Amino acid sequence: MLVLWGCAAHAAELLVRIDLSDQEMTVLLDNAPAHSWPVSTARAGKFTPTGLYSVQSMVPMHYSTLYDNAPMPWSIFFSGNFAIHGTTQTDRLGTPASAGCVRLHPDDARMLYDLVQSYGVDKTLIEIVD
C-alpha cells in the first residue's frame, strides 16, 4: 500500500485504521484486513484527533499522568498524550467513552502491540477517520 504523507511516499505494511463513527479498528497487514475490533474513543466534550500518524513511542504498561494514574496497558502513543491502549472498561467498547485515547480490549491491545513490534514502528501507520 502506498500512502502519501507530506512530500514523501511511505510503504506501510501495517495500517491501523480507526473509524470514529463506527467505533471500530481495522488492522490491515500488507494491505489485507486481518483484525477488526470494537474501540472506545472520545466521549462528549472530549476529542480523538483525526489524521494519519506514525508511532511515537510504545510502553507495555503506562499509567496516566493526566487521569489519576489510570492504567494504560499496551500503550502505543501516536500524538502527544494520545495513545491506543487496553482498558478495564471493556463493557464500554463500541461506544465513545474515553478522554481522547483509543481504547481496546486488553487482549486486542496486546495483539496490536506485538504486531507493531513485529512489523516495526517505521512500517506502521495509524489512520483515524470520522
Protein backbone atom coordinates (compact mmCIF):
# COMPACT_ATOMS: atom_id res chain seq x y z
CA MET A 1 0.00 0.00 0.00
CA LEU A 2 1.44 3.35 -0.98
CA VAL A 3 0.46 6.19 1.33
CA LEU A 4 1.41 9.78 0.57
CA TRP A 5 2.42 11.60 3.71
CA GLY A 6 3.77 15.10 3.39
CA CYS A 7 6.21 15.17 0.48
CA ALA A 8 7.46 11.61 0.89
CA ALA A 9 5.82 8.32 0.00
CA HIS A 10 5.88 5.53 2.58
CA ALA A 11 5.08 1.87 2.09
CA ALA A 12 3.05 0.88 5.15
CA GLU A 13 2.98 -2.81 5.85
CA LEU A 14 0.83 -2.42 8.97
CA LEU A 15 -2.08 0.01 8.83
CA VAL A 16 -4.22 0.61 11.90
CA ARG A 17 -7.46 2.28 10.77
CA ILE A 18 -9.79 3.69 13.44
CA ASP A 19 -13.29 4.74 12.41
CA LEU A 20 -14.73 7.15 14.98
CA SER A 21 -18.27 6.88 13.56
CA ASP A 22 -18.32 3.10 13.85
CA GLN A 23 -16.13 2.91 16.99
CA GLU A 24 -14.14 0.19 15.25
CA MET A 25 -10.49 -0.52 14.49
CA THR A 26 -9.43 -2.46 11.42
CA VAL A 27 -5.88 -3.75 11.21
CA LEU A 28 -4.52 -4.32 7.72
CA LEU A 29 -1.40 -6.45 7.29
CA ASP A 30 0.31 -5.99 3.93
CA ASN A 31 -2.88 -4.33 2.63
CA ALA A 32 -5.19 -7.19 3.69
CA PRO A 33 -7.72 -6.89 6.55
CA ALA A 34 -6.52 -9.10 9.40
CA HIS A 35 -8.38 -7.93 12.52
CA SER A 36 -11.42 -5.88 13.40
CA TRP A 37 -12.10 -4.81 16.99
CA PRO A 38 -14.51 -2.50 18.81
CA VAL A 39 -12.91 0.56 20.38
CA SER A 40 -13.89 3.44 22.61
CA THR A 41 -12.78 6.90 21.58
CA ALA A 42 -13.58 10.37 22.93
CA ARG A 43 -16.81 10.86 24.85
CA ALA A 44 -18.87 14.07 24.59
CA GLY A 45 -16.82 17.14 25.41
CA LYS A 46 -13.50 15.43 24.53
CA PHE A 47 -11.86 14.64 21.20
CA THR A 48 -9.79 12.00 19.47
CA PRO A 49 -7.58 13.56 16.80
CA THR A 50 -8.14 12.51 13.20
CA GLY A 51 -5.46 12.15 10.58
CA LEU A 52 -2.51 9.97 9.66
CA TYR A 53 0.10 9.26 12.33
CA SER A 54 3.23 7.28 12.93
CA VAL A 55 4.06 5.57 16.21
CA GLN A 56 5.84 7.95 18.57
CA SER A 57 6.53 5.50 21.39
CA MET A 58 5.37 2.24 22.93
CA VAL A 59 5.09 1.30 26.60
CA PRO A 60 3.91 -2.12 27.83
CA MET A 61 2.34 -0.59 30.98
CA HIS A 62 1.82 3.16 31.22
CA TYR A 63 -0.01 4.97 34.00
CA SER A 64 -1.76 8.19 33.03
CA THR A 65 -0.23 11.33 34.47
CA LEU A 66 -3.37 13.22 33.41
CA TYR A 67 -6.08 10.93 34.80
CA ASP A 68 -5.30 9.68 38.33
CA ASN A 69 -2.67 7.13 37.29
CA ALA A 70 -5.24 5.17 35.28
CA PRO A 71 -3.63 2.01 33.87
CA MET A 72 -2.97 2.05 30.12
CA PRO A 73 -1.64 -1.41 29.23
CA TRP A 74 -0.01 -1.96 25.84
CA SER A 75 0.18 1.78 25.05
CA ILE A 76 1.04 2.90 21.53
CA PHE A 77 1.44 6.69 21.55
CA PHE A 78 0.77 8.43 18.25
CA SER A 79 0.21 12.14 19.03
CA GLY A 80 1.46 13.71 22.25
CA ASN A 81 -0.58 12.22 25.11
CA PHE A 82 -2.93 10.36 22.75
CA ALA A 83 -2.46 6.60 22.61
CA ILE A 84 -4.05 3.33 21.62
CA HIS A 85 -4.18 1.16 24.74
CA GLY A 86 -6.02 -1.53 26.63
CA THR A 87 -8.83 -0.74 29.06
CA THR A 88 -10.54 -2.39 32.00
CA GLN A 89 -13.84 -0.80 30.91
CA THR A 90 -14.49 -3.47 28.30
CA ASP A 91 -18.25 -3.07 28.68
CA ARG A 92 -17.91 0.41 27.12
CA LEU A 93 -16.14 -0.79 23.96
CA GLY A 94 -18.06 0.14 20.83
CA THR A 95 -19.21 3.45 22.36
CA PRO A 96 -17.44 6.78 22.90
CA ALA A 97 -16.15 6.67 26.48
CA SER A 98 -12.54 7.89 26.67
CA ALA A 99 -10.91 11.25 27.28
CA GLY A 100 -9.47 11.02 23.76
CA CYS A 101 -7.33 7.90 23.60
CA VAL A 102 -8.35 4.86 21.57
CA ARG A 103 -9.25 2.08 24.00
CA LEU A 104 -9.22 -1.62 23.16
CA HIS A 105 -9.86 -4.87 24.98
CA PRO A 106 -6.56 -5.69 26.74
CA ASP A 107 -6.12 -8.91 24.71
CA ASP A 108 -6.58 -6.98 21.44
CA ALA A 109 -4.28 -4.19 22.65
CA ARG A 110 -1.56 -6.73 23.39
CA MET A 111 -2.01 -8.35 19.97
CA LEU A 112 -1.73 -4.95 18.27
CA TYR A 113 1.32 -4.04 20.39
CA ASP A 114 3.00 -7.31 19.38
CA LEU A 115 2.15 -6.73 15.70
CA VAL A 116 3.67 -3.23 15.77
CA GLN A 117 6.82 -4.63 17.39
CA SER A 118 6.96 -7.42 14.82
CA TYR A 119 6.42 -5.19 11.76
CA GLY A 120 8.35 -2.27 13.20
CA VAL A 121 7.27 1.25 14.11
CA ASP A 122 8.77 2.50 10.84
CA LYS A 123 6.39 0.28 8.86
CA THR A 124 3.28 1.13 10.87
CA LEU A 125 0.75 3.88 10.19
CA ILE A 126 -2.26 4.85 12.25
CA GLU A 127 -5.19 6.41 10.40
CA ILE A 128 -8.10 7.93 12.32
CA VAL A 129 -11.19 8.96 10.36
CA ASP A 130 -14.58 10.47 11.30
